[in-house]
Amino acid sequence: MLPGSPAWLYGIANLRGEIVSVLNLSKICGKKSVAVSPKSKVIVLKPNHGSSSIAFPVDRVSEIVTFNPENINLSDDPRFFGKAQHEKNFVNLLDTENLWSSLS
């Protein structure tokens, strides 16, 4: 954690010469934080509009799922695009364009 930084910011990382902000997505979403270590895996999001990339640690990635737009319930929360059901679980879908701006 960087001194004086918000609780949702783990820190920064140098990814092939690019400085990436590493977010505590669990804290942003009000969930239990994922334990991080130097060997932790992260997902990196590269925004389309030219701002810096962001990353967040994950405990695992089990599969990639595609949702039909008609199966997505839109969200009022600016951090999420919506929610969809996958098998027996509901999945929150990040709005990658609005996530960073909602924290600033």
PDB file of N, CA and C in Angstrom:
ATOM      1  N   MET A   1       0.844  -1.178   0.000  1.00  0.00           N
ATOM      2  CA  MET A   1       0.000   0.000   0.000  1.00  0.00           C
ATOM      3  C   MET A   1       0.891   1.242   0.000  1.00  0.00           C
ATOM      4  N   LEU A   2       0.506   2.212  -0.784  1.00  0.00           N
ATOM      5  CA  LEU A   2       1.256   3.458  -0.859  1.00  0.00           C
ATOM      6  C   LEU A   2       0.823   4.394   0.267  1.00  0.00           C
ATOM      7  N   PRO A   3       1.755   5.042   0.935  1.00  0.00           N
ATOM      8  CA  PRO A   3       1.389   5.968   2.010  1.00  0.00           C
ATOM      9  C   PRO A   3       0.463   7.080   1.503  1.00  0.00           C
ATOM     10  N   GLY A   4      -0.603   7.353   2.252  1.00  0.00           N
ATOM     11  CA  GLY A   4      -1.547   8.407   1.896  1.00  0.00           C
ATOM     12  C   GLY A   4      -2.498   8.064   0.765  1.00  0.00           C
ATOM     13  N   SER A   5      -2.461   6.820   0.289  1.00  0.00           N
ATOM     14  CA  SER A   5      -3.344   6.438  -0.820  1.00  0.00           C
ATOM     15  C   SER A   5      -4.673   5.905  -0.276  1.00  0.00           C
ATOM     16  N   PRO A   6      -5.715   5.911  -1.101  1.00  0.00           N
ATOM     17  CA  PRO A   6      -7.002   5.374  -0.659  1.00  0.00           C
ATOM     18  C   PRO A   6      -6.907   3.877  -0.371  1.00  0.00           C
ATOM     19  N   ALA A   7      -7.815   3.369   0.457  1.00  0.00           N
ATOM     20  CA  ALA A   7      -7.788   1.951   0.855  1.00  0.00           C
ATOM     21  C   ALA A   7      -7.991   1.005  -0.325  1.00  0.00           C
ATOM     22  N   TRP A   8      -8.637   1.467  -1.390  1.00  0.00           N
ATOM     23  CA  TRP A   8      -8.899   0.598  -2.534  1.00  0.00           C
ATOM     24  C   TRP A   8      -7.706   0.486  -3.494  1.00  0.00           C
ATOM     25  N   LEU A   9      -6.608   1.191  -3.204  1.00  0.00           N
ATOM     26  CA  LEU A   9      -5.435   1.133  -4.065  1.00  0.00           C
ATOM     27  C   LEU A   9      -4.343   0.305  -3.396  1.00  0.00           C
ATOM     28  N   TYR A  10      -4.033  -0.872  -3.978  1.00  0.00           N
ATOM     29  CA  TYR A  10      -2.941  -1.689  -3.449  1.00  0.00           C
ATOM     30  C   TYR A  10      -1.607  -1.003  -3.678  1.00  0.00           C
ATOM     31  N   GLY A  11      -1.441  -0.434  -4.863  1.00  0.00           N
ATOM     32  CA  GLY A  11      -0.175   0.202  -5.208  1.00  0.00           C
ATOM     33  C   GLY A  11      -0.054   0.328  -6.705  1.00  0.00           C
ATOM     34  N   ILE A  12       1.185   0.394  -7.183  1.00  0.00           N
ATOM     35  CA  ILE A  12       1.434   0.499  -8.611  1.00  0.00           C
ATOM     36  C   ILE A  12       2.399  -0.604  -9.024  1.00  0.00           C
ATOM     37  N   ALA A  13       2.385  -0.908 -10.300  1.00  0.00           N
ATOM     38  CA  ALA A  13       3.285  -1.927 -10.843  1.00  0.00           C
ATOM     39  C   ALA A  13       3.843  -1.426 -12.165  1.00  0.00           C
ATOM     40  N   ASN A  14       5.025  -1.891 -12.494  1.00  0.00           N
ATOM     41  CA  ASN A  14       5.638  -1.587 -13.773  1.00  0.00           C
ATOM     42  C   ASN A  14       5.426  -2.805 -14.660  1.00  0.00           C
ATOM     43  N   LEU A  15       4.584  -2.655 -15.669  1.00  0.00           N
ATOM     44  CA  LEU A  15       4.277  -3.756 -16.577  1.00  0.00           C
ATOM     45  C   LEU A  15       4.854  -3.413 -17.947  1.00  0.00           C
ATOM     46  N   ARG A  16       6.001  -3.978 -18.233  1.00  0.00           N
ATOM     47  CA  ARG A  16       6.693  -3.749 -19.509  1.00  0.00           C
ATOM     48  C   ARG A  16       6.869  -2.261 -19.799  1.00  0.00           C
ATOM     49  N   GLY A  17       7.270  -1.514 -18.772  1.00  0.00           N
ATOM     50  CA  GLY A  17       7.539  -0.094 -18.934  1.00  0.00           C
ATOM     51  C   GLY A  17       6.342   0.817 -18.727  1.00  0.00           C
ATOM     52  N   GLU A  18       5.162   0.261 -18.538  1.00  0.00           N
ATOM     53  CA  GLU A  18       3.957   1.059 -18.289  1.00  0.00           C
ATOM     54  C   GLU A  18       3.603   0.979 -16.807  1.00  0.00           C
ATOM     55  N   ILE A  19       3.342   2.132 -16.190  1.00  0.00           N
ATOM     56  CA  ILE A  19       2.930   2.148 -14.788  1.00  0.00           C
ATOM     57  C   ILE A  19       1.438   1.846 -14.720  1.00  0.00           C
ATOM     58  N   VAL A  20       1.084   0.825 -13.948  1.00  0.00           N
ATOM     59  CA  VAL A  20      -0.296   0.352 -13.842  1.00  0.00           C
ATOM     60  C   VAL A  20      -0.741   0.487 -12.385  1.00  0.00           C
ATOM     61  N   SER A  21      -1.906   1.078 -12.157  1.00  0.00           N
ATOM     62  CA  SER A  21      -2.485   1.154 -10.815  1.00  0.00           C
ATOM     63  C   SER A  21      -3.129  -0.184 -10.493  1.00  0.00           C
ATOM     64  N   VAL A  22      -2.777  -0.759  -9.325  1.00  0.00           N
ATOM     65  CA  VAL A  22      -3.323  -2.048  -8.910  1.00  0.00           C
ATOM     66  C   VAL A  22      -4.393  -1.777  -7.854  1.00  0.00           C
ATOM     67  N   LEU A  23      -5.636  -2.090  -8.200  1.00  0.00           N
ATOM     68  CA  LEU A  23      -6.783  -1.793  -7.350  1.00  0.00           C
ATOM     69  C   LEU A  23      -7.184  -2.979  -6.489  1.00  0.00           C
ATOM     70  N   ASN A  24      -7.721  -2.669  -5.322  1.00  0.00           N
ATOM     71  CA  ASN A  24      -8.317  -3.684  -4.459  1.00  0.00           C
ATOM     72  C   ASN A  24      -9.801  -3.722  -4.815  1.00  0.00           C
ATOM     73  N   LEU A  25     -10.115  -4.461  -5.866  1.00  0.00           N
ATOM     74  CA  LEU A  25     -11.482  -4.527  -6.369  1.00  0.00           C
ATOM     75  C   LEU A  25     -12.440  -5.082  -5.321  1.00  0.00           C
ATOM     76  N   SER A  26     -11.957  -5.966  -4.478  1.00  0.00           N
ATOM     77  CA  SER A  26     -12.800  -6.515  -3.411  1.00  0.00           C
ATOM     78  C   SER A  26     -13.260  -5.409  -2.470  1.00  0.00           C
ATOM     79  N   LYS A  27     -12.355  -4.518  -2.094  1.00  0.00           N
ATOM     80  CA  LYS A  27     -12.706  -3.416  -1.203  1.00  0.00           C
ATOM     81  C   LYS A  27     -13.671  -2.452  -1.887  1.00  0.00           C
ATOM     82  N   ILE A  28     -13.467  -2.193  -3.160  1.00  0.00           N
ATOM     83  CA  ILE A  28     -14.358  -1.319  -3.918  1.00  0.00           C
ATOM     84  C   ILE A  28     -15.774  -1.884  -3.920  1.00  0.00           C
ATOM     85  N   CYS A  29     -15.886  -3.205  -4.025  1.00  0.00           N
ATOM     86  CA  CYS A  29     -17.197  -3.857  -4.108  1.00  0.00           C
ATOM     87  C   CYS A  29     -17.750  -4.274  -2.750  1.00  0.00           C
ATOM     88  N   GLY A  30     -17.026  -3.965  -1.667  1.00  0.00           N
ATOM     89  CA  GLY A  30     -17.503  -4.311  -0.335  1.00  0.00           C
ATOM     90  C   GLY A  30     -17.416  -5.790  -0.006  1.00  0.00           C
ATOM     91  N   LYS A  31     -16.490  -6.485  -0.615  1.00  0.00           N
ATOM     92  CA  LYS A  31     -16.297  -7.924  -0.374  1.00  0.00           C
ATOM     93  C   LYS A  31     -15.006  -8.152   0.410  1.00  0.00           C
ATOM     94  N   LYS A  32     -14.804  -9.399   0.845  1.00  0.00           N
ATOM     95  CA  LYS A  32     -13.567  -9.769   1.527  1.00  0.00           C
ATOM     96  C   LYS A  32     -12.409  -9.689   0.538  1.00  0.00           C
ATOM     97  N   SER A  33     -11.310  -9.054   0.955  1.00  0.00           N
ATOM     98  CA  SER A  33     -10.162  -8.853   0.071  1.00  0.00           C
ATOM     99  C   SER A  33      -9.464 -10.166  -0.261  1.00  0.00           C
ATOM    100  N   VAL A  34      -8.966 -10.231  -1.481  1.00  0.00           N
ATOM    101  CA  VAL A  34      -8.164 -11.363  -1.933  1.00  0.00           C
ATOM    102  C   VAL A  34      -6.764 -11.203  -1.351  1.00  0.00           C
ATOM    103  N   ALA A  35      -6.188 -12.269  -0.825  1.00  0.00           N
ATOM    104  CA  ALA A  35      -4.821 -12.205  -0.304  1.00  0.00           C
ATOM    105  C   ALA A  35      -3.857 -12.028  -1.471  1.00  0.00           C
ATOM    106  N   VAL A  36      -2.945 -11.073  -1.346  1.00  0.00           N
ATOM    107  CA  VAL A  36      -1.991 -10.823  -2.426  1.00  0.00           C
ATOM    108  C   VAL A  36      -0.577 -11.122  -1.962  1.00  0.00           C
ATOM    109  N   SER A  37       0.237 -11.518  -2.910  1.00  0.00           N
ATOM    110  CA  SER A  37       1.647 -11.797  -2.661  1.00  0.00           C
ATOM    111  C   SER A  37       2.407 -11.405  -3.928  1.00  0.00           C
ATOM    112  N   PRO A  38       3.730 -11.422  -3.878  1.00  0.00           N
ATOM    113  CA  PRO A  38       4.479 -11.105  -5.101  1.00  0.00           C
ATOM    114  C   PRO A  38       4.168 -12.046  -6.266  1.00  0.00           C
ATOM    115  N   LYS A  39       3.629 -13.228  -5.988  1.00  0.00           N
ATOM    116  CA  LYS A  39       3.305 -14.203  -7.035  1.00  0.00           C
ATOM    117  C   LYS A  39       1.838 -14.136  -7.469  1.00  0.00           C
ATOM    118  N   SER A  40       1.072 -13.188  -6.929  1.00  0.00           N
ATOM    119  CA  SER A  40      -0.349 -13.085  -7.264  1.00  0.00           C
ATOM    120  C   SER A  40      -0.536 -12.816  -8.759  1.00  0.00           C
ATOM    121  N   LYS A  41      -1.625 -13.333  -9.292  1.00  0.00           N
ATOM    122  CA  LYS A  41      -2.005 -13.080 -10.687  1.00  0.00           C
ATOM    123  C   LYS A  41      -2.915 -11.868 -10.715  1.00  0.00           C
ATOM    124  N   VAL A  42      -2.809 -11.079 -11.763  1.00  0.00           N
ATOM    125  CA  VAL A  42      -3.659  -9.896 -11.901  1.00  0.00           C
ATOM    126  C   VAL A  42      -4.297  -9.877 -13.283  1.00  0.00           C
ATOM    127  N   ILE A  43      -5.446  -9.233 -13.357  1.00  0.00           N
ATOM    128  CA  ILE A  43      -6.087  -8.951 -14.635  1.00  0.00           C
ATOM    129  C   ILE A  43      -5.826  -7.484 -14.914  1.00  0.00           C
ATOM    130  N   VAL A  44      -5.351  -7.183 -16.110  1.00  0.00           N
ATOM    131  CA  VAL A  44      -5.038  -5.810 -16.499  1.00  0.00           C
ATOM    132  C   VAL A  44      -6.089  -5.345 -17.493  1.00  0.00           C
ATOM    133  N   LEU A  45      -6.657  -4.158 -17.212  1.00  0.00           N
ATOM    134  CA  LEU A  45      -7.645  -3.556 -18.103  1.00  0.00           C
ATOM    135  C   LEU A  45      -7.011  -2.357 -18.790  1.00  0.00           C
ATOM    136  N   LYS A  46      -7.071  -2.354 -20.101  1.00  0.00           N
ATOM    137  CA  LYS A  46      -6.534  -1.233 -20.879  1.00  0.00           C
ATOM    138  C   LYS A  46      -7.729  -0.467 -21.446  1.00  0.00           C
ATOM    139  N   PRO A  47      -7.973   0.742 -20.922  1.00  0.00           N
ATOM    140  CA  PRO A  47      -9.133   1.512 -21.398  1.00  0.00           C
ATOM    141  C   PRO A  47      -8.955   1.989 -22.835  1.00  0.00           C
ATOM    142  N   ASN A  48     -10.073   2.208 -23.488  1.00  0.00           N
ATOM    143  CA  ASN A  48     -10.050   2.659 -24.880  1.00  0.00           C
ATOM    144  C   ASN A  48      -9.729   4.139 -25.013  1.00  0.00           C
ATOM    145  N   HIS A  49     -10.020   4.916 -23.996  1.00  0.00           N
ATOM    146  CA  HIS A  49      -9.947   6.370 -24.120  1.00  0.00           C
ATOM    147  C   HIS A  49      -8.579   6.956 -23.787  1.00  0.00           C
ATOM    148  N   GLY A  50      -7.547   6.134 -23.675  1.00  0.00           N
ATOM    149  CA  GLY A  50      -6.200   6.650 -23.540  1.00  0.00           C
ATOM    150  C   GLY A  50      -5.695   6.897 -22.124  1.00  0.00           C
ATOM    151  N   SER A  51      -6.504   6.704 -21.099  1.00  0.00           N
ATOM    152  CA  SER A  51      -5.984   6.876 -19.744  1.00  0.00           C
ATOM    153  C   SER A  51      -5.152   5.652 -19.365  1.00  0.00           C
ATOM    154  N   SER A  52      -4.516   5.711 -18.215  1.00  0.00           N
ATOM    155  CA  SER A  52      -3.615   4.627 -17.827  1.00  0.00           C
ATOM    156  C   SER A  52      -4.378   3.336 -17.528  1.00  0.00           C
ATOM    157  N   SER A  53      -3.679   2.234 -17.665  1.00  0.00           N
ATOM    158  CA  SER A  53      -4.262   0.919 -17.398  1.00  0.00           C
ATOM    159  C   SER A  53      -4.434   0.706 -15.903  1.00  0.00           C
ATOM    160  N   ILE A  54      -5.382  -0.145 -15.566  1.00  0.00           N
ATOM    161  CA  ILE A  54      -5.588  -0.543 -14.171  1.00  0.00           C
ATOM    162  C   ILE A  54      -5.538  -2.060 -14.097  1.00  0.00           C
ATOM    163  N   ALA A  55      -5.235  -2.568 -12.909  1.00  0.00           N
ATOM    164  CA  ALA A  55      -5.163  -4.013 -12.704  1.00  0.00           C
ATOM    165  C   ALA A  55      -5.764  -4.343 -11.355  1.00  0.00           C
ATOM    166  N   PHE A  56      -6.186  -5.577 -11.199  1.00  0.00           N
ATOM    167  CA  PHE A  56      -6.650  -6.050  -9.903  1.00  0.00           C
ATOM    168  C   PHE A  56      -6.290  -7.522  -9.748  1.00  0.00           C
ATOM    169  N   PRO A  57      -5.882  -7.907  -8.518  1.00  0.00           N
ATOM    170  CA  PRO A  57      -5.514  -9.303  -8.272  1.00  0.00           C
ATOM    171  C   PRO A  57      -6.743 -10.204  -8.273  1.00  0.00           C
ATOM    172  N   VAL A  58      -6.539 -11.429  -8.673  1.00  0.00           N
ATOM    173  CA  VAL A  58      -7.604 -12.438  -8.647  1.00  0.00           C
ATOM    174  C   VAL A  58      -7.073 -13.700  -7.989  1.00  0.00           C
ATOM    175  N   ASP A  59      -7.961 -14.436  -7.352  1.00  0.00           N
ATOM    176  CA  ASP A  59      -7.526 -15.702  -6.757  1.00  0.00           C
ATOM    177  C   ASP A  59      -7.495 -16.812  -7.800  1.00  0.00           C
ATOM    178  N   ARG A  60      -8.380 -16.716  -8.800  1.00  0.00           N
ATOM    179  CA  ARG A  60      -8.363 -17.698  -9.878  1.00  0.00           C
ATOM    180  C   ARG A  60      -9.264 -17.227 -11.014  1.00  0.00           C
ATOM    181  N   VAL A  61      -9.034 -17.755 -12.196  1.00  0.00           N
ATOM    182  CA  VAL A  61      -9.917 -17.574 -13.342  1.00  0.00           C
ATOM    183  C   VAL A  61     -10.304 -18.970 -13.779  1.00  0.00           C
ATOM    184  N   SER A  62     -11.598 -19.256 -13.739  1.00  0.00           N
ATOM    185  CA  SER A  62     -12.021 -20.607 -14.058  1.00  0.00           C
ATOM    186  C   SER A  62     -12.513 -20.761 -15.493  1.00  0.00           C
ATOM    187  N   GLU A  63     -13.104 -19.709 -16.058  1.00  0.00           N
ATOM    188  CA  GLU A  63     -13.558 -19.788 -17.436  1.00  0.00           C
ATOM    189  C   GLU A  63     -13.923 -18.403 -17.943  1.00  0.00           C
ATOM    190  N   ILE A  64     -14.040 -18.298 -19.239  1.00  0.00           N
ATOM    191  CA  ILE A  64     -14.498 -17.066 -19.873  1.00  0.00           C
ATOM    192  C   ILE A  64     -15.890 -17.348 -20.408  1.00  0.00           C
ATOM    193  N   VAL A  65     -16.829 -16.446 -20.090  1.00  0.00           N
ATOM    194  CA  VAL A  65     -18.225 -16.656 -20.434  1.00  0.00           C
ATOM    195  C   VAL A  65     -18.713 -15.491 -21.283  1.00  0.00           C
ATOM    196  N   THR A  66     -19.508 -15.781 -22.294  1.00  0.00           N
ATOM    197  CA  THR A  66     -20.138 -14.756 -23.118  1.00  0.00           C
ATOM    198  C   THR A  66     -21.621 -14.715 -22.774  1.00  0.00           C
ATOM    199  N   PHE A  67     -22.145 -13.494 -22.569  1.00  0.00           N
ATOM    200  CA  PHE A  67     -23.558 -13.328 -22.244  1.00  0.00           C
ATOM    201  C   PHE A  67     -24.278 -12.664 -23.412  1.00  0.00           C
ATOM    202  N   ASN A  68     -25.502 -13.105 -23.681  1.00  0.00           N
ATOM    203  CA  ASN A  68     -26.348 -12.425 -24.647  1.00  0.00           C
ATOM    204  C   ASN A  68     -26.843 -11.137 -24.004  1.00  0.00           C
ATOM    205  N   PRO A  69     -26.851 -10.036 -24.739  1.00  0.00           N
ATOM    206  CA  PRO A  69     -27.280  -8.760 -24.156  1.00  0.00           C
ATOM    207  C   PRO A  69     -28.665  -8.810 -23.508  1.00  0.00           C
ATOM    208  N   GLU A  70     -29.579  -9.599 -24.048  1.00  0.00           N
ATOM    209  CA  GLU A  70     -30.928  -9.671 -23.468  1.00  0.00           C
ATOM    210  C   GLU A  70     -30.953 -10.375 -22.110  1.00  0.00           C
ATOM    211  N   ASN A  71     -29.869 -11.058 -21.733  1.00  0.00           N
ATOM    212  CA  ASN A  71     -29.784 -11.743 -20.441  1.00  0.00           C
ATOM    213  C   ASN A  71     -29.067 -10.916 -19.376  1.00  0.00           C
ATOM    214  N   ILE A  72     -28.734  -9.663 -19.703  1.00  0.00           N
ATOM    215  CA  ILE A  72     -28.034  -8.793 -18.764  1.00  0.00           C
ATOM    216  C   ILE A  72     -29.008  -7.779 -18.193  1.00  0.00           C
ATOM    217  N   ASN A  73     -29.090  -7.727 -16.871  1.00  0.00           N
ATOM    218  CA  ASN A  73     -29.894  -6.718 -16.185  1.00  0.00           C
ATOM    219  C   ASN A  73     -28.988  -5.527 -15.908  1.00  0.00           C
ATOM    220  N   LEU A  74     -29.315  -4.368 -16.475  1.00  0.00           N
ATOM    221  CA  LEU A  74     -28.477  -3.184 -16.327  1.00  0.00           C
ATOM    222  C   LEU A  74     -28.429  -2.728 -14.880  1.00  0.00           C
ATOM    223  N   SER A  75     -27.325  -2.072 -14.513  1.00  0.00           N
ATOM    224  CA  SER A  75     -27.084  -1.648 -13.138  1.00  0.00           C
ATOM    225  C   SER A  75     -27.153  -0.130 -13.013  1.00  0.00           C
ATOM    226  N   ASP A  76     -27.580   0.337 -11.829  1.00  0.00           N
ATOM    227  CA  ASP A  76     -27.544   1.769 -11.520  1.00  0.00           C
ATOM    228  C   ASP A  76     -26.194   2.169 -10.939  1.00  0.00           C
ATOM    229  N   ASP A  77     -25.405   1.189 -10.507  1.00  0.00           N
ATOM    230  CA  ASP A  77     -24.090   1.433  -9.927  1.00  0.00           C
ATOM    231  C   ASP A  77     -23.109   1.730 -11.055  1.00  0.00           C
ATOM    232  N   PRO A  78     -22.435   2.893 -11.045  1.00  0.00           N
ATOM    233  CA  PRO A  78     -21.546   3.249 -12.161  1.00  0.00           C
ATOM    234  C   PRO A  78     -20.350   2.320 -12.339  1.00  0.00           C
ATOM    235  N   ARG A  79     -20.011   1.537 -11.327  1.00  0.00           N
ATOM    236  CA  ARG A  79     -18.866   0.621 -11.447  1.00  0.00           C
ATOM    237  C   ARG A  79     -19.214  -0.618 -12.252  1.00  0.00           C
ATOM    238  N   PHE A  80     -20.517  -0.917 -12.355  1.00  0.00           N
ATOM    239  CA  PHE A  80     -20.959  -2.145 -13.022  1.00  0.00           C
ATOM    240  C   PHE A  80     -21.853  -1.833 -14.210  1.00  0.00           C
ATOM    241  N   PHE A  81     -21.665  -2.605 -15.264  1.00  0.00           N
ATOM    242  CA  PHE A  81     -22.524  -2.490 -16.431  1.00  0.00           C
ATOM    243  C   PHE A  81     -23.860  -3.147 -16.132  1.00  0.00           C
ATOM    244  N   GLY A  82     -23.798  -4.278 -15.450  1.00  0.00           N
ATOM    245  CA  GLY A  82     -25.021  -5.014 -15.139  1.00  0.00           C
ATOM    246  C   GLY A  82     -24.720  -6.288 -14.392  1.00  0.00           C
ATOM    247  N   LYS A  83     -25.741  -7.138 -14.334  1.00  0.00           N
ATOM    248  CA  LYS A  83     -25.636  -8.419 -13.639  1.00  0.00           C
ATOM    249  C   LYS A  83     -26.276  -9.472 -14.544  1.00  0.00           C
ATOM    250  N   ALA A  84     -25.668 -10.641 -14.576  1.00  0.00           N
ATOM    251  CA  ALA A  84     -26.198 -11.732 -15.392  1.00  0.00           C
ATOM    252  C   ALA A  84     -26.050 -13.040 -14.621  1.00  0.00           C
ATOM    253  N   GLN A  85     -26.886 -14.003 -14.990  1.00  0.00           N
ATOM    254  CA  GLN A  85     -26.819 -15.302 -14.326  1.00  0.00           C
ATOM    255  C   GLN A  85     -25.999 -16.263 -15.177  1.00  0.00           C
ATOM    256  N   HIS A  86     -25.068 -16.935 -14.491  1.00  0.00           N
ATOM    257  CA  HIS A  86     -24.268 -17.989 -15.117  1.00  0.00           C
ATOM    258  C   HIS A  86     -24.416 -19.231 -14.272  1.00  0.00           C
ATOM    259  N   GLU A  87     -25.011 -20.260 -14.862  1.00  0.00           N
ATOM    260  CA  GLU A  87     -25.361 -21.470 -14.129  1.00  0.00           C
ATOM    261  C   GLU A  87     -26.218 -21.073 -12.918  1.00  0.00           C
ATOM    262  N   LYS A  88     -25.780 -21.335 -11.688  1.00  0.00           N
ATOM    263  CA  LYS A  88     -26.597 -21.001 -10.511  1.00  0.00           C
ATOM    264  C   LYS A  88     -26.167 -19.700  -9.849  1.00  0.00           C
ATOM    265  N   ASN A  89     -25.153 -19.033 -10.384  1.00  0.00           N
ATOM    266  CA  ASN A  89     -24.605 -17.834  -9.756  1.00  0.00           C
ATOM    267  C   ASN A  89     -24.916 -16.582 -10.560  1.00  0.00           C
ATOM    268  N   PHE A  90     -25.052 -15.460  -9.843  1.00  0.00           N
ATOM    269  CA  PHE A  90     -25.157 -14.167 -10.501  1.00  0.00           C
ATOM    270  C   PHE A  90     -23.765 -13.549 -10.559  1.00  0.00           C
ATOM    271  N   VAL A  91     -23.465 -12.921 -11.683  1.00  0.00           N
ATOM    272  CA  VAL A  91     -22.152 -12.351 -11.933  1.00  0.00           C
ATOM    273  C   VAL A  91     -22.326 -10.853 -12.180  1.00  0.00           C
ATOM    274  N   ASN A  92     -21.562 -10.024 -11.435  1.00  0.00           N
ATOM    275  CA  ASN A  92     -21.538  -8.590 -11.700  1.00  0.00           C
ATOM    276  C   ASN A  92     -20.576  -8.331 -12.850  1.00  0.00           C
ATOM    277  N   LEU A  93     -21.006  -7.533 -13.808  1.00  0.00           N
ATOM    278  CA  LEU A  93     -20.196  -7.225 -14.973  1.00  0.00           C
ATOM    279  C   LEU A  93     -19.613  -5.824 -14.820  1.00  0.00           C
ATOM    280  N   LEU A  94     -18.305  -5.739 -14.751  1.00  0.00           N
ATOM    281  CA  LEU A  94     -17.637  -4.452 -14.562  1.00  0.00           C
ATOM    282  C   LEU A  94     -17.858  -3.534 -15.750  1.00  0.00           C
ATOM    283  N   ASP A  95     -18.064  -2.270 -15.472  1.00  0.00           N
ATOM    284  CA  ASP A  95     -18.058  -1.252 -16.515  1.00  0.00           C
ATOM    285  C   ASP A  95     -16.648  -0.685 -16.517  1.00  0.00           C
ATOM    286  N   THR A  96     -15.818  -1.215 -17.365  1.00  0.00           N
ATOM    287  CA  THR A  96     -14.398  -0.866 -17.346  1.00  0.00           C
ATOM    288  C   THR A  96     -14.158   0.599 -17.668  1.00  0.00           C
ATOM    289  N   GLU A  97     -15.035   1.227 -18.417  1.00  0.00           N
ATOM    290  CA  GLU A  97     -14.865   2.640 -18.750  1.00  0.00           C
ATOM    291  C   GLU A  97     -15.175   3.531 -17.555  1.00  0.00           C
ATOM    292  N   ASN A  98     -16.144   3.158 -16.718  1.00  0.00           N
ATOM    293  CA  ASN A  98     -16.566   4.000 -15.611  1.00  0.00           C
ATOM    294  C   ASN A  98     -15.919   3.657 -14.275  1.00  0.00           C
ATOM    295  N   LEU A  99     -15.311   2.479 -14.159  1.00  0.00           N
ATOM    296  CA  LEU A  99     -14.745   2.062 -12.875  1.00  0.00           C
ATOM    297  C   LEU A  99     -13.731   3.069 -12.356  1.00  0.00           C
ATOM    298  N   TRP A 100     -12.750   3.390 -13.168  1.00  0.00           N
ATOM    299  CA  TRP A 100     -11.688   4.290 -12.725  1.00  0.00           C
ATOM    300  C   TRP A 100     -12.223   5.683 -12.431  1.00  0.00           C
ATOM    301  N   SER A 101     -13.099   6.213 -13.275  1.00  0.00           N
ATOM    302  CA  SER A 101     -13.617   7.563 -13.059  1.00  0.00           C
ATOM    303  C   SER A 101     -14.506   7.635 -11.817  1.00  0.00           C
ATOM    304  N   SER A 102     -15.161   6.540 -11.442  1.00  0.00           N
ATOM    305  CA  SER A 102     -16.003   6.555 -10.237  1.00  0.00           C
ATOM    306  C   SER A 102     -15.167   6.604  -8.962  1.00  0.00           C
ATOM    307  N   LEU A 103     -13.887   6.247  -9.053  1.00  0.00           N
ATOM    308  CA  LEU A 103     -13.012   6.250  -7.875  1.00  0.00           C
ATOM    309  C   LEU A 103     -12.249   7.554  -7.728  1.00  0.00           C
ATOM    310  N   SER A 104     -12.111   8.295  -8.796  1.00  0.00           N
ATOM    311  CA  SER A 104     -11.315   9.532  -8.770  1.00  0.00           C
ATOM    312  C   SER A 104     -12.018  10.641  -8.028  1.00  0.00           C
TER     313      SER A 104
END
